[in-house]
N, C-alpha and C. Protein backbone atom coordinates (compact mmCIF):
# COMPACT_ATOMS: atom_id res chain seq x y z
N MET A 1 38.29 -77.59 21.82
CA MET A 1 38.71 -76.29 22.31
C MET A 1 37.54 -75.32 22.18
N LYS A 2 37.28 -74.61 23.24
CA LYS A 2 36.18 -73.64 23.25
C LYS A 2 36.68 -72.27 22.79
N ILE A 3 35.82 -71.54 22.10
CA ILE A 3 36.18 -70.21 21.58
C ILE A 3 36.42 -69.25 22.74
N ASP A 4 37.57 -68.57 22.67
CA ASP A 4 37.92 -67.54 23.65
C ASP A 4 38.92 -66.59 22.99
N ASN A 5 39.35 -65.59 23.74
CA ASN A 5 40.27 -64.58 23.21
C ASN A 5 41.56 -65.21 22.69
N LYS A 6 42.14 -64.55 21.71
CA LYS A 6 43.43 -64.92 21.12
C LYS A 6 43.39 -66.28 20.42
N GLN A 7 42.22 -66.59 19.84
CA GLN A 7 42.11 -67.82 19.06
C GLN A 7 41.66 -67.48 17.65
N VAL A 8 42.05 -68.33 16.72
CA VAL A 8 41.60 -68.20 15.34
C VAL A 8 40.34 -69.04 15.21
N VAL A 9 39.27 -68.40 14.78
CA VAL A 9 37.96 -69.05 14.68
C VAL A 9 37.55 -69.07 13.21
N SER A 10 37.00 -70.20 12.80
CA SER A 10 36.50 -70.37 11.43
C SER A 10 35.05 -70.81 11.54
N VAL A 11 34.14 -70.05 10.89
CA VAL A 11 32.71 -70.34 10.96
C VAL A 11 32.07 -70.28 9.58
N THR A 12 30.97 -71.03 9.45
CA THR A 12 30.07 -70.82 8.33
C THR A 12 28.91 -70.01 8.89
N TYR A 13 28.21 -69.31 8.02
CA TYR A 13 27.00 -68.62 8.47
C TYR A 13 26.13 -68.26 7.29
N ASP A 14 24.86 -68.07 7.60
CA ASP A 14 23.90 -67.43 6.71
C ASP A 14 23.44 -66.21 7.46
N LEU A 15 23.43 -65.07 6.79
CA LEU A 15 23.00 -63.81 7.38
C LEU A 15 21.72 -63.36 6.71
N TYR A 16 20.73 -63.04 7.54
CA TYR A 16 19.44 -62.55 7.07
C TYR A 16 19.12 -61.23 7.76
N ILE A 17 18.35 -60.40 7.08
CA ILE A 17 17.76 -59.21 7.70
C ILE A 17 16.25 -59.31 7.46
N THR A 18 15.50 -58.56 8.25
CA THR A 18 14.07 -58.50 8.03
C THR A 18 13.78 -57.17 7.35
N GLU A 19 13.17 -57.23 6.17
CA GLU A 19 12.87 -56.03 5.40
C GLU A 19 11.41 -56.11 4.97
N GLU A 20 10.63 -55.11 5.39
CA GLU A 20 9.20 -55.06 5.07
C GLU A 20 8.49 -56.34 5.49
N GLY A 21 8.86 -56.85 6.68
CA GLY A 21 8.22 -58.03 7.24
C GLY A 21 8.70 -59.35 6.68
N GLU A 22 9.59 -59.32 5.71
CA GLU A 22 10.09 -60.55 5.07
C GLU A 22 11.56 -60.76 5.45
N LYS A 23 11.92 -62.03 5.71
CA LYS A 23 13.31 -62.37 5.97
C LYS A 23 14.04 -62.42 4.63
N LYS A 24 15.13 -61.66 4.53
CA LYS A 24 15.88 -61.56 3.27
C LYS A 24 17.31 -62.04 3.49
N HIS A 25 17.75 -63.01 2.66
CA HIS A 25 19.12 -63.51 2.75
C HIS A 25 20.08 -62.45 2.23
N VAL A 26 21.14 -62.17 2.99
CA VAL A 26 22.10 -61.14 2.62
C VAL A 26 23.41 -61.74 2.11
N GLU A 27 23.96 -62.68 2.89
CA GLU A 27 25.23 -63.29 2.49
C GLU A 27 25.45 -64.57 3.27
N SER A 28 26.43 -65.35 2.81
CA SER A 28 26.79 -66.60 3.46
C SER A 28 28.30 -66.76 3.49
N ALA A 29 28.76 -67.51 4.47
CA ALA A 29 30.13 -68.03 4.49
C ALA A 29 29.96 -69.54 4.52
N THR A 30 30.60 -70.23 3.59
CA THR A 30 30.40 -71.66 3.39
C THR A 30 31.57 -72.48 3.93
N THR A 31 31.44 -73.79 3.92
CA THR A 31 32.56 -74.64 4.35
C THR A 31 33.75 -74.46 3.41
N GLU A 32 33.47 -74.18 2.13
CA GLU A 32 34.56 -73.95 1.18
C GLU A 32 35.20 -72.57 1.37
N ARG A 33 34.41 -71.61 1.81
CA ARG A 33 34.90 -70.24 2.03
C ARG A 33 34.36 -69.72 3.36
N PRO A 34 34.90 -70.25 4.48
CA PRO A 34 34.39 -69.82 5.79
C PRO A 34 34.89 -68.43 6.15
N LEU A 35 34.26 -67.85 7.15
CA LEU A 35 34.75 -66.62 7.76
C LEU A 35 35.80 -67.03 8.78
N VAL A 36 37.02 -66.53 8.62
CA VAL A 36 38.12 -66.86 9.52
C VAL A 36 38.58 -65.55 10.15
N PHE A 37 38.61 -65.52 11.50
CA PHE A 37 38.99 -64.27 12.16
C PHE A 37 39.69 -64.54 13.49
N LEU A 38 40.39 -63.53 13.96
CA LEU A 38 41.08 -63.56 15.23
C LEU A 38 40.10 -63.07 16.29
N TYR A 39 39.74 -63.94 17.19
CA TYR A 39 38.70 -63.65 18.19
C TYR A 39 39.24 -62.74 19.29
N GLY A 40 38.45 -61.73 19.63
CA GLY A 40 38.74 -60.89 20.79
C GLY A 40 39.69 -59.73 20.55
N VAL A 41 39.93 -59.38 19.27
CA VAL A 41 40.85 -58.26 18.99
C VAL A 41 40.15 -57.11 18.27
N GLY A 42 38.81 -57.14 18.24
CA GLY A 42 38.07 -56.03 17.66
C GLY A 42 37.84 -56.14 16.16
N MET A 43 38.07 -57.30 15.57
CA MET A 43 37.84 -57.47 14.13
C MET A 43 36.36 -57.58 13.80
N MET A 44 35.60 -58.14 14.73
CA MET A 44 34.19 -58.46 14.49
C MET A 44 33.30 -57.61 15.39
N LEU A 45 32.00 -57.59 15.08
CA LEU A 45 31.05 -56.91 15.96
C LEU A 45 31.13 -57.56 17.33
N PRO A 46 31.27 -56.75 18.39
CA PRO A 46 31.41 -57.33 19.74
C PRO A 46 30.29 -58.30 20.11
N LYS A 47 29.05 -57.99 19.79
CA LYS A 47 27.93 -58.88 20.14
C LYS A 47 27.95 -60.16 19.30
N PHE A 48 28.51 -60.10 18.09
CA PHE A 48 28.67 -61.31 17.29
C PHE A 48 29.61 -62.26 18.03
N GLU A 49 30.76 -61.73 18.46
CA GLU A 49 31.73 -62.55 19.19
C GLU A 49 31.14 -63.06 20.49
N GLU A 50 30.43 -62.21 21.20
CA GLU A 50 29.84 -62.59 22.48
C GLU A 50 28.95 -63.83 22.32
N ASN A 51 28.22 -63.91 21.22
CA ASN A 51 27.34 -65.04 20.97
C ASN A 51 28.08 -66.32 20.61
N LEU A 52 29.34 -66.22 20.21
CA LEU A 52 30.13 -67.40 19.85
C LEU A 52 31.01 -67.90 20.99
N LYS A 53 31.25 -67.06 21.99
CA LYS A 53 32.16 -67.41 23.09
C LYS A 53 31.74 -68.72 23.74
N GLY A 54 32.72 -69.61 23.92
CA GLY A 54 32.48 -70.87 24.59
C GLY A 54 32.03 -72.00 23.68
N LEU A 55 31.73 -71.69 22.42
CA LEU A 55 31.34 -72.75 21.49
C LEU A 55 32.58 -73.52 21.02
N SER A 56 32.36 -74.73 20.50
CA SER A 56 33.45 -75.59 20.05
C SER A 56 33.21 -76.05 18.61
N ILE A 57 34.22 -76.67 18.02
CA ILE A 57 34.12 -77.19 16.66
C ILE A 57 32.89 -78.09 16.55
N GLY A 58 32.11 -77.86 15.50
CA GLY A 58 30.91 -78.66 15.24
C GLY A 58 29.65 -78.09 15.85
N ASP A 59 29.78 -77.13 16.78
CA ASP A 59 28.58 -76.53 17.38
C ASP A 59 27.85 -75.68 16.36
N ASN A 60 26.52 -75.76 16.38
CA ASN A 60 25.68 -74.90 15.56
C ASN A 60 25.27 -73.70 16.40
N TYR A 61 24.99 -72.59 15.74
CA TYR A 61 24.53 -71.40 16.45
C TYR A 61 23.46 -70.69 15.64
N ALA A 62 22.63 -69.96 16.34
CA ALA A 62 21.62 -69.11 15.71
C ALA A 62 21.32 -67.99 16.70
N PHE A 63 21.46 -66.75 16.26
CA PHE A 63 21.18 -65.61 17.13
C PHE A 63 20.87 -64.38 16.27
N SER A 64 20.30 -63.39 16.92
CA SER A 64 19.99 -62.12 16.25
C SER A 64 20.69 -60.99 16.98
N LEU A 65 21.08 -59.97 16.24
CA LEU A 65 21.67 -58.76 16.81
C LEU A 65 20.76 -57.59 16.48
N ALA A 66 20.37 -56.83 17.49
CA ALA A 66 19.59 -55.61 17.27
C ALA A 66 20.46 -54.62 16.49
N ALA A 67 19.84 -53.73 15.78
CA ALA A 67 20.57 -52.74 14.98
C ALA A 67 21.62 -52.01 15.82
N GLY A 68 21.27 -51.65 17.05
CA GLY A 68 22.19 -50.93 17.92
C GLY A 68 23.41 -51.75 18.31
N ASP A 69 23.31 -53.07 18.25
CA ASP A 69 24.44 -53.96 18.56
C ASP A 69 25.17 -54.40 17.31
N ALA A 70 24.69 -53.95 16.16
CA ALA A 70 25.30 -54.34 14.88
C ALA A 70 25.93 -53.10 14.24
N TYR A 71 25.28 -52.53 13.24
CA TYR A 71 25.84 -51.38 12.52
C TYR A 71 25.15 -50.07 12.86
N GLY A 72 24.38 -50.06 13.94
CA GLY A 72 23.74 -48.84 14.41
C GLY A 72 22.40 -48.59 13.74
N GLU A 73 21.70 -47.63 14.30
CA GLU A 73 20.42 -47.20 13.73
C GLU A 73 20.69 -46.38 12.48
N TYR A 74 19.73 -46.35 11.59
CA TYR A 74 19.86 -45.54 10.39
C TYR A 74 19.84 -44.07 10.78
N ASP A 75 20.80 -43.29 10.29
CA ASP A 75 20.94 -41.88 10.65
C ASP A 75 20.65 -41.00 9.42
N GLU A 76 19.50 -40.31 9.46
CA GLU A 76 19.13 -39.43 8.35
C GLU A 76 20.18 -38.34 8.11
N ALA A 77 20.87 -37.94 9.17
CA ALA A 77 21.90 -36.89 9.04
C ALA A 77 23.13 -37.38 8.28
N ALA A 78 23.23 -38.71 8.08
CA ALA A 78 24.37 -39.26 7.34
C ALA A 78 24.10 -39.31 5.84
N VAL A 79 23.00 -38.71 5.40
CA VAL A 79 22.75 -38.55 3.97
C VAL A 79 23.18 -37.12 3.65
N VAL A 80 24.24 -37.02 2.87
CA VAL A 80 24.86 -35.71 2.63
C VAL A 80 24.77 -35.30 1.17
N SER A 81 24.85 -34.01 0.97
CA SER A 81 24.79 -33.42 -0.36
C SER A 81 26.21 -33.04 -0.77
N LEU A 82 26.69 -33.62 -1.86
CA LEU A 82 28.02 -33.29 -2.39
C LEU A 82 27.85 -32.47 -3.65
N PRO A 83 28.68 -31.43 -3.81
CA PRO A 83 28.55 -30.58 -5.01
C PRO A 83 28.83 -31.38 -6.29
N LYS A 84 28.03 -31.12 -7.31
CA LYS A 84 28.19 -31.83 -8.59
C LYS A 84 29.58 -31.63 -9.18
N ASP A 85 30.15 -30.42 -8.98
CA ASP A 85 31.45 -30.15 -9.60
C ASP A 85 32.56 -31.03 -9.02
N MET A 86 32.30 -31.68 -7.91
CA MET A 86 33.25 -32.62 -7.33
C MET A 86 33.50 -33.80 -8.28
N PHE A 87 32.53 -34.06 -9.16
CA PHE A 87 32.59 -35.23 -10.02
C PHE A 87 33.01 -34.91 -11.45
N THR A 88 33.15 -33.63 -11.79
CA THR A 88 33.46 -33.27 -13.17
C THR A 88 34.83 -33.78 -13.61
N ASN A 89 35.78 -33.85 -12.68
CA ASN A 89 37.12 -34.36 -13.03
C ASN A 89 37.21 -35.88 -12.87
N GLN A 90 36.13 -36.50 -12.46
CA GLN A 90 36.13 -37.95 -12.20
C GLN A 90 35.45 -38.72 -13.33
N GLY A 91 35.23 -38.11 -14.46
CA GLY A 91 34.64 -38.81 -15.59
C GLY A 91 33.13 -38.72 -15.64
N GLY A 92 32.56 -37.75 -14.95
CA GLY A 92 31.11 -37.56 -15.03
C GLY A 92 30.39 -37.96 -13.75
N LEU A 93 29.10 -37.71 -13.77
CA LEU A 93 28.28 -37.98 -12.59
C LEU A 93 28.10 -39.49 -12.39
N PRO A 94 28.09 -39.92 -11.12
CA PRO A 94 27.84 -41.34 -10.85
C PRO A 94 26.37 -41.67 -11.06
N GLU A 95 26.07 -42.93 -11.21
CA GLU A 95 24.69 -43.38 -11.35
C GLU A 95 24.07 -43.55 -9.97
N ILE A 96 22.75 -43.42 -9.91
CA ILE A 96 22.04 -43.68 -8.66
C ILE A 96 22.26 -45.14 -8.29
N GLY A 97 22.61 -45.37 -7.03
CA GLY A 97 22.91 -46.72 -6.55
C GLY A 97 24.40 -47.03 -6.55
N ALA A 98 25.20 -46.21 -7.24
CA ALA A 98 26.64 -46.44 -7.28
C ALA A 98 27.24 -46.28 -5.89
N VAL A 99 28.24 -47.09 -5.58
CA VAL A 99 28.96 -47.00 -4.32
C VAL A 99 30.26 -46.25 -4.59
N LEU A 100 30.44 -45.15 -3.87
CA LEU A 100 31.59 -44.28 -4.08
C LEU A 100 32.64 -44.47 -3.00
N PRO A 101 33.90 -44.63 -3.38
CA PRO A 101 34.97 -44.64 -2.38
C PRO A 101 35.23 -43.18 -1.98
N LEU A 102 35.17 -42.90 -0.69
CA LEU A 102 35.36 -41.53 -0.20
C LEU A 102 36.44 -41.50 0.87
N GLN A 103 36.92 -40.30 1.17
CA GLN A 103 37.95 -40.12 2.18
C GLN A 103 37.68 -38.82 2.92
N ASP A 104 37.80 -38.84 4.25
CA ASP A 104 37.59 -37.60 5.02
C ASP A 104 38.90 -36.82 5.14
N ASN A 105 38.85 -35.69 5.82
CA ASN A 105 40.02 -34.82 5.95
C ASN A 105 41.16 -35.45 6.74
N GLN A 106 40.87 -36.51 7.51
CA GLN A 106 41.91 -37.20 8.28
C GLN A 106 42.48 -38.41 7.52
N GLY A 107 42.02 -38.62 6.29
CA GLY A 107 42.52 -39.72 5.48
C GLY A 107 41.79 -41.04 5.69
N ASN A 108 40.73 -41.04 6.52
CA ASN A 108 39.95 -42.26 6.72
C ASN A 108 39.13 -42.55 5.48
N GLN A 109 39.16 -43.81 5.04
CA GLN A 109 38.43 -44.19 3.84
C GLN A 109 37.11 -44.85 4.23
N PHE A 110 36.07 -44.59 3.46
CA PHE A 110 34.75 -45.16 3.69
C PHE A 110 33.99 -45.12 2.38
N GLN A 111 32.76 -45.62 2.40
CA GLN A 111 31.98 -45.67 1.17
C GLN A 111 30.64 -44.97 1.38
N GLY A 112 30.11 -44.46 0.30
CA GLY A 112 28.78 -43.86 0.31
C GLY A 112 28.03 -44.33 -0.92
N ARG A 113 26.71 -44.44 -0.78
CA ARG A 113 25.87 -44.89 -1.90
C ARG A 113 25.07 -43.71 -2.43
N VAL A 114 25.13 -43.50 -3.73
CA VAL A 114 24.40 -42.40 -4.38
C VAL A 114 22.91 -42.72 -4.33
N VAL A 115 22.13 -41.79 -3.71
CA VAL A 115 20.68 -42.02 -3.61
C VAL A 115 19.88 -41.16 -4.59
N SER A 116 20.42 -40.00 -4.96
CA SER A 116 19.74 -39.18 -5.97
C SER A 116 20.70 -38.12 -6.49
N ILE A 117 20.30 -37.53 -7.61
CA ILE A 117 21.09 -36.45 -8.20
C ILE A 117 20.15 -35.27 -8.40
N ALA A 118 20.51 -34.16 -7.76
CA ALA A 118 19.70 -32.94 -7.84
C ALA A 118 20.32 -32.02 -8.88
N GLU A 119 19.74 -30.84 -9.01
CA GLU A 119 20.22 -29.89 -10.01
C GLU A 119 21.68 -29.50 -9.80
N ASP A 120 22.07 -29.31 -8.54
CA ASP A 120 23.44 -28.84 -8.27
C ASP A 120 24.21 -29.75 -7.32
N ALA A 121 23.65 -30.92 -6.95
CA ALA A 121 24.32 -31.76 -5.97
C ALA A 121 24.03 -33.24 -6.20
N VAL A 122 24.88 -34.06 -5.61
CA VAL A 122 24.71 -35.51 -5.59
C VAL A 122 24.45 -35.90 -4.14
N LEU A 123 23.31 -36.53 -3.88
CA LEU A 123 22.94 -36.96 -2.53
C LEU A 123 23.53 -38.34 -2.28
N VAL A 124 24.33 -38.45 -1.20
CA VAL A 124 25.06 -39.67 -0.90
C VAL A 124 24.71 -40.13 0.52
N ASP A 125 24.37 -41.41 0.64
CA ASP A 125 24.05 -42.02 1.94
C ASP A 125 25.32 -42.64 2.50
N LEU A 126 25.78 -42.11 3.66
CA LEU A 126 27.02 -42.60 4.27
C LEU A 126 26.76 -43.67 5.33
N ASN A 127 25.50 -44.01 5.57
CA ASN A 127 25.19 -45.08 6.52
C ASN A 127 25.75 -46.40 6.02
N HIS A 128 26.12 -47.27 6.94
CA HIS A 128 26.50 -48.64 6.57
C HIS A 128 25.27 -49.28 5.91
N PRO A 129 25.45 -50.08 4.87
CA PRO A 129 24.29 -50.70 4.20
C PRO A 129 23.38 -51.49 5.15
N MET A 130 23.90 -51.97 6.26
CA MET A 130 23.10 -52.74 7.21
C MET A 130 22.60 -51.90 8.39
N ALA A 131 22.87 -50.59 8.37
CA ALA A 131 22.41 -49.73 9.46
C ALA A 131 20.88 -49.79 9.54
N GLY A 132 20.39 -49.84 10.77
CA GLY A 132 18.95 -49.87 10.98
C GLY A 132 18.33 -51.24 10.88
N HIS A 133 19.13 -52.27 10.60
CA HIS A 133 18.60 -53.62 10.44
C HIS A 133 19.01 -54.52 11.60
N GLU A 134 18.07 -55.35 12.02
CA GLU A 134 18.39 -56.45 12.93
C GLU A 134 19.02 -57.53 12.07
N LEU A 135 20.13 -58.11 12.55
CA LEU A 135 20.84 -59.14 11.81
C LEU A 135 20.54 -60.51 12.42
N HIS A 136 20.26 -61.49 11.58
CA HIS A 136 19.96 -62.85 12.02
C HIS A 136 21.03 -63.79 11.45
N PHE A 137 21.79 -64.42 12.33
CA PHE A 137 22.86 -65.33 11.93
C PHE A 137 22.51 -66.77 12.32
N ASN A 138 22.87 -67.71 11.46
CA ASN A 138 22.89 -69.10 11.86
C ASN A 138 24.03 -69.77 11.11
N GLY A 139 24.71 -70.67 11.80
CA GLY A 139 25.86 -71.31 11.19
C GLY A 139 26.46 -72.38 12.07
N THR A 140 27.70 -72.76 11.75
CA THR A 140 28.41 -73.83 12.44
C THR A 140 29.85 -73.40 12.68
N ILE A 141 30.40 -73.78 13.83
CA ILE A 141 31.81 -73.55 14.12
C ILE A 141 32.61 -74.62 13.37
N GLN A 142 33.48 -74.19 12.48
CA GLN A 142 34.28 -75.11 11.65
C GLN A 142 35.60 -75.47 12.30
N ASP A 143 36.25 -74.47 12.92
CA ASP A 143 37.58 -74.71 13.50
C ASP A 143 37.86 -73.67 14.57
N VAL A 144 38.62 -74.08 15.57
CA VAL A 144 39.10 -73.18 16.63
C VAL A 144 40.52 -73.63 16.93
N ARG A 145 41.45 -72.69 16.90
CA ARG A 145 42.84 -73.02 17.23
C ARG A 145 43.49 -71.82 17.90
N PRO A 146 44.55 -72.06 18.68
CA PRO A 146 45.26 -70.92 19.26
C PRO A 146 45.90 -70.08 18.15
N ALA A 147 45.89 -68.78 18.31
CA ALA A 147 46.58 -67.90 17.36
C ALA A 147 48.08 -68.00 17.59
N THR A 148 48.84 -67.86 16.53
CA THR A 148 50.29 -67.83 16.68
C THR A 148 50.69 -66.46 17.21
N GLN A 149 51.89 -66.36 17.74
CA GLN A 149 52.37 -65.07 18.23
C GLN A 149 52.44 -64.05 17.09
N GLU A 150 52.82 -64.51 15.90
CA GLU A 150 52.90 -63.62 14.75
C GLU A 150 51.51 -63.06 14.41
N GLU A 151 50.48 -63.92 14.45
CA GLU A 151 49.12 -63.47 14.18
C GLU A 151 48.68 -62.44 15.22
N LEU A 152 49.00 -62.70 16.48
CA LEU A 152 48.65 -61.75 17.55
C LEU A 152 49.39 -60.43 17.36
N ASP A 153 50.67 -60.51 17.00
CA ASP A 153 51.47 -59.29 16.77
C ASP A 153 50.91 -58.47 15.61
N HIS A 154 50.47 -59.15 14.56
CA HIS A 154 49.96 -58.47 13.36
C HIS A 154 48.49 -58.10 13.46
N GLY A 155 47.76 -58.75 14.37
CA GLY A 155 46.35 -58.44 14.57
C GLY A 155 45.41 -59.05 13.54
N HIS A 156 45.90 -60.09 12.82
CA HIS A 156 45.04 -60.78 11.85
C HIS A 156 45.54 -62.20 11.64
N VAL A 157 44.67 -63.02 11.03
CA VAL A 157 44.97 -64.42 10.77
C VAL A 157 45.89 -64.54 9.58
N HIS A 158 46.84 -65.48 9.66
CA HIS A 158 47.72 -65.80 8.54
C HIS A 158 47.35 -67.17 7.99
N GLY A 159 47.84 -67.47 6.80
CA GLY A 159 47.60 -68.80 6.23
C GLY A 159 46.24 -68.93 5.59
N GLU A 160 45.76 -70.18 5.51
CA GLU A 160 44.49 -70.46 4.83
C GLU A 160 43.34 -69.70 5.48
N GLY A 161 42.61 -68.96 4.67
CA GLY A 161 41.49 -68.17 5.16
C GLY A 161 41.90 -66.83 5.74
N GLY A 162 43.19 -66.60 5.83
CA GLY A 162 43.69 -65.36 6.42
C GLY A 162 44.58 -64.59 5.47
N HIS A 163 45.46 -63.78 6.02
CA HIS A 163 46.32 -62.88 5.26
C HIS A 163 47.60 -63.63 4.84
N HIS A 164 48.06 -63.34 3.65
CA HIS A 164 49.32 -63.91 3.17
C HIS A 164 50.29 -62.76 2.95
N HIS A 165 51.47 -62.86 3.56
CA HIS A 165 52.48 -61.78 3.42
C HIS A 165 53.40 -62.09 2.27
């Protein structure tokens, strides 16, 4: 079965980025813990899915995604200054490098990484950690199967490798 919309896809992969001219390993999905997702419903980066379309069980793949097709270019404007007093009721100032769970006025949750602490503010980088990086994937298609109607209705995979209700 070839990968197409409304199918459950299971893949292994190694993900690398290039940093200061060196290829750096970021993460892996293994045969014991594959990435399992519902293809074609917006769960994954569109260009990631595009590169897998038409592949079958056992096929190997290797491709790169430009930053603009992955998590976007690094945006200097997404480094924001938060008032220090915001943290006084939270048990003190966070450490540099700490990842903070944040929420906007609409209730959307996201994360920011503390980059520095100034006299009156905490500087937080809201960019995705992979923003500005070209992503290099290589892996193997482990499984492809039709999604159940329940999976399609819920918008995610159920069972092994997926969501359990």
